[in-house]
Amino acid sequence: MRYIVGVMGPAKARKKDIDNARVLGELIARREWVVLTGGRDVGVMDAACQGAKQVPGSLTIGVLPSARERVSKYVDLAIITEMGNARNNVNVMSSNVVVVCGLMGAGTVSEVALALKAGKPVILVGATPAEERFFKKLGGRLIAAVENPEEAIGLMMKQFEQQQPELVQGARSWGGV
C-alpha cells in the first residue's frame, strides 16, 4: 500500500503557494507516496504534480471536474468525474491526509471542510494566523499549521507511523526529512 496525499490549493494561487506545492510534490514522491490533486494544468494542482514528476517512479493522480478541463501534463492517472465541484469530495475521501497550499479559493476551503467532516487530518502550509485560527476552531486536533513543506512531511511521517509503522520505516528519507 502507498499512502495518498491530497495536495489542495487554488487554480489562481500566489507564487509562494505554487512554490510550496512544487516542493511538497517532490518531497511526497521521494517518500514513495502518491500525489493526488484536482488534476488541472493550473495553480497548486499543476505545481504539486510537476514537483512529484522530478522523482523517477512517482505517481500522480488528478481528479477532474469534467472532460472539458485541461489535464496537467504531470498527471499520470486522470480521473474524469463529470461531477463539477462535487469532485472535491472524491479528492478528500481518496486521500489519507489533505495538505493545503493557499486558502484563497472557495473550492479549496470546501475541501478542507469536507476533510474535517470526514475526520481526515489537514495540514495548512503557510496559512495566515487568521486562517489558522478559523480552521483550528472548526477542526480542532484534525488541523495542523506549518510554515513549509518540510514541516508538513514531518507531520505526515508521524501520522502515518501511528497508523502503520512498518510502511513508514521503509520510506526513503530525503534532505533530512
Protein backbone atom coordinates (compact mmCIF):
# COMPACT_ATOMS: atom_id res chain seq x y z
CA MET A 1 0.00 0.00 0.00
CA ARG A 2 1.16 3.52 -0.78
CA TYR A 3 -0.17 6.50 1.10
CA ILE A 4 -2.15 9.00 -0.94
CA VAL A 5 -1.50 12.63 -0.07
CA GLY A 6 -4.08 15.07 -1.37
CA VAL A 7 -2.45 18.39 -2.21
CA MET A 8 -5.16 21.02 -2.47
CA GLY A 9 -5.00 24.67 -3.41
CA PRO A 10 -6.37 27.29 -5.75
CA ALA A 11 -6.02 27.44 -9.51
CA LYS A 12 -5.18 31.15 -9.15
CA ALA A 13 -2.54 30.74 -6.47
CA ARG A 14 0.10 33.07 -5.06
CA LYS A 15 3.71 32.42 -6.02
CA LYS A 16 4.58 31.18 -2.52
CA ASP A 17 1.73 28.64 -2.62
CA ILE A 18 2.84 27.37 -6.04
CA ASP A 19 6.44 27.11 -4.82
CA ASN A 20 5.32 25.26 -1.68
CA ALA A 21 3.17 22.89 -3.75
CA ARG A 22 6.04 22.10 -6.12
CA VAL A 23 8.43 21.30 -3.25
CA LEU A 24 5.71 19.37 -1.44
CA GLY A 25 5.01 17.25 -4.51
CA GLU A 26 8.67 16.33 -4.81
CA LEU A 27 9.03 15.53 -1.10
CA ILE A 28 5.90 13.35 -1.18
CA ALA A 29 7.19 11.46 -4.21
CA ARG A 30 10.60 10.95 -2.59
CA ARG A 31 8.77 9.16 0.24
CA GLU A 32 7.18 6.93 -2.41
CA TRP A 33 3.73 8.25 -1.57
CA VAL A 34 1.14 9.15 -4.23
CA VAL A 35 0.30 12.78 -5.04
CA LEU A 36 -3.41 13.40 -5.64
CA THR A 37 -4.67 16.78 -6.87
CA GLY A 38 -7.55 18.33 -8.74
CA GLY A 39 -5.60 17.43 -11.88
CA ARG A 40 -5.91 20.65 -13.86
CA ASP A 41 -2.98 22.35 -15.59
CA VAL A 42 -3.02 25.43 -13.35
CA GLY A 43 -2.03 26.62 -9.90
CA VAL A 44 -1.30 24.36 -6.97
CA MET A 45 -2.64 21.30 -8.81
CA ASP A 46 -0.13 21.58 -11.63
CA ALA A 47 2.77 22.59 -9.36
CA ALA A 48 2.37 19.65 -6.95
CA CYS A 49 2.30 17.17 -9.81
CA GLN A 50 5.25 18.87 -11.50
CA GLY A 51 7.28 18.56 -8.30
CA ALA A 52 6.40 14.89 -7.98
CA LYS A 53 7.50 14.17 -11.53
CA GLN A 54 11.04 15.25 -10.61
CA VAL A 55 11.26 11.86 -8.91
CA PRO A 56 11.56 8.75 -11.11
CA GLY A 57 8.80 6.25 -10.40
CA SER A 58 6.48 8.82 -8.84
CA LEU A 59 2.72 8.51 -9.23
CA THR A 60 0.35 11.45 -9.64
CA ILE A 61 -3.43 11.27 -9.78
CA GLY A 62 -5.69 14.08 -10.97
CA VAL A 63 -9.39 14.05 -10.12
CA LEU A 64 -11.03 16.40 -12.61
CA PRO A 65 -14.46 18.03 -12.51
CA SER A 66 -15.22 17.36 -16.19
CA ALA A 67 -13.82 16.22 -19.52
CA ARG A 68 -13.74 19.88 -20.65
CA GLU A 69 -10.87 20.67 -18.26
CA ARG A 70 -7.27 20.63 -19.44
CA VAL A 71 -5.30 17.95 -17.61
CA SER A 72 -1.86 18.78 -16.24
CA LYS A 73 0.89 17.19 -18.31
CA TYR A 74 2.34 15.98 -14.99
CA VAL A 75 -0.69 13.81 -14.13
CA ASP A 76 -0.15 10.08 -14.62
CA LEU A 77 -3.72 8.99 -13.96
CA ALA A 78 -6.59 11.35 -14.77
CA ILE A 79 -9.98 10.54 -13.30
CA ILE A 80 -12.75 12.42 -15.10
CA THR A 81 -15.72 12.64 -12.75
CA GLU A 82 -18.27 14.83 -14.60
CA MET A 83 -19.24 15.87 -11.05
CA GLY A 84 -18.17 19.52 -11.15
CA ASN A 85 -17.27 20.80 -7.70
CA ALA A 86 -18.69 17.66 -6.11
CA ARG A 87 -15.45 16.03 -7.20
CA ASN A 88 -13.88 17.75 -4.19
CA ASN A 89 -15.36 15.03 -2.02
CA VAL A 90 -13.68 12.37 -4.19
CA ASN A 91 -10.35 14.19 -3.72
CA VAL A 92 -10.72 14.27 0.04
CA MET A 93 -12.11 10.77 0.54
CA SER A 94 -9.36 9.26 -1.63
CA SER A 95 -6.59 10.90 0.42
CA ASN A 96 -5.03 9.67 3.66
CA VAL A 97 -4.21 13.26 4.54
CA VAL A 98 -5.04 16.61 2.92
CA VAL A 99 -2.31 19.24 2.62
CA VAL A 100 -3.36 22.75 1.64
CA CYS A 101 -1.19 25.34 -0.10
CA GLY A 102 -3.28 28.51 -0.21
CA LEU A 103 -6.79 29.16 1.05
CA MET A 104 -7.92 31.86 -1.36
CA GLY A 105 -10.49 29.80 -3.25
CA ALA A 106 -13.91 28.52 -2.22
CA GLY A 107 -13.09 25.13 -3.77
CA THR A 108 -10.05 24.69 -1.54
CA VAL A 109 -11.97 25.82 1.53
CA SER A 110 -14.71 23.32 0.68
CA GLU A 111 -12.09 20.55 0.51
CA VAL A 112 -10.85 21.47 3.99
CA ALA A 113 -14.43 21.43 5.31
CA LEU A 114 -15.15 18.06 3.67
CA ALA A 115 -11.94 16.61 5.11
CA LEU A 116 -12.89 17.79 8.61
CA LYS A 117 -16.39 16.33 8.30
CA ALA A 118 -14.82 13.01 7.25
CA GLY A 119 -12.35 13.05 10.14
CA LYS A 120 -9.31 13.37 7.85
CA PRO A 121 -6.18 15.18 9.04
CA VAL A 122 -5.50 18.50 7.32
CA ILE A 123 -2.17 20.32 7.17
CA LEU A 124 -2.17 24.00 6.24
CA VAL A 125 1.13 25.13 4.69
CA GLY A 126 1.89 28.83 5.04
CA ALA A 127 -1.56 29.82 6.31
CA THR A 128 -2.09 33.28 7.77
CA PRO A 129 -2.73 33.48 11.53
CA ALA A 130 -6.41 34.30 10.84
CA GLU A 131 -6.80 31.27 8.53
CA GLU A 132 -5.09 29.04 11.07
CA ARG A 133 -7.35 30.25 13.92
CA PHE A 134 -10.50 29.83 11.84
CA PHE A 135 -9.76 26.27 10.72
CA LYS A 136 -8.43 25.16 14.12
CA LYS A 137 -11.68 26.38 15.66
CA LEU A 138 -13.59 24.24 13.13
CA GLY A 139 -11.34 21.20 13.10
CA GLY A 140 -9.56 21.11 16.43
CA ARG A 141 -6.96 18.33 16.54
CA LEU A 142 -7.50 17.48 12.86
CA ILE A 143 -5.90 20.77 11.76
CA ALA A 144 -2.18 21.42 11.86
CA ALA A 145 -0.45 24.51 10.52
CA VAL A 146 3.15 24.57 9.33
CA GLU A 147 5.38 27.12 7.67
CA ASN A 148 6.88 24.96 4.94
CA PRO A 149 6.63 21.66 3.03
CA GLU A 150 9.41 20.03 5.06
CA GLU A 151 7.42 20.51 8.26
CA ALA A 152 4.35 19.07 6.54
CA ILE A 153 6.31 15.92 5.61
CA GLY A 154 7.47 15.58 9.22
CA LEU A 155 3.87 15.71 10.46
CA MET A 156 2.76 13.17 7.85
CA MET A 157 5.57 10.83 8.88
CA LYS A 158 4.33 10.95 12.48
CA GLN A 159 0.71 10.46 11.40
CA PHE A 160 1.48 7.53 9.13
CA GLU A 161 3.82 5.94 11.68
CA GLN A 162 0.96 5.87 14.19
CA GLN A 163 -1.24 4.15 11.62
CA GLN A 164 1.21 1.63 10.13
CA PRO A 165 4.81 1.98 11.34
CA GLU A 166 6.14 -0.76 9.04
CA LEU A 167 5.19 1.25 5.94
CA VAL A 168 6.79 4.46 7.16
CA GLN A 169 10.05 2.85 8.23
CA GLY A 170 10.55 1.57 4.70
CA ALA A 171 10.11 5.02 3.18
CA ARG A 172 13.17 6.81 1.88
CA SER A 173 14.45 9.92 3.56
CA TRP A 174 15.43 13.00 1.60
CA GLY A 175 17.10 16.16 2.76
CA GLY A 176 16.98 15.18 6.43
CA VAL A 177 13.21 14.90 6.42
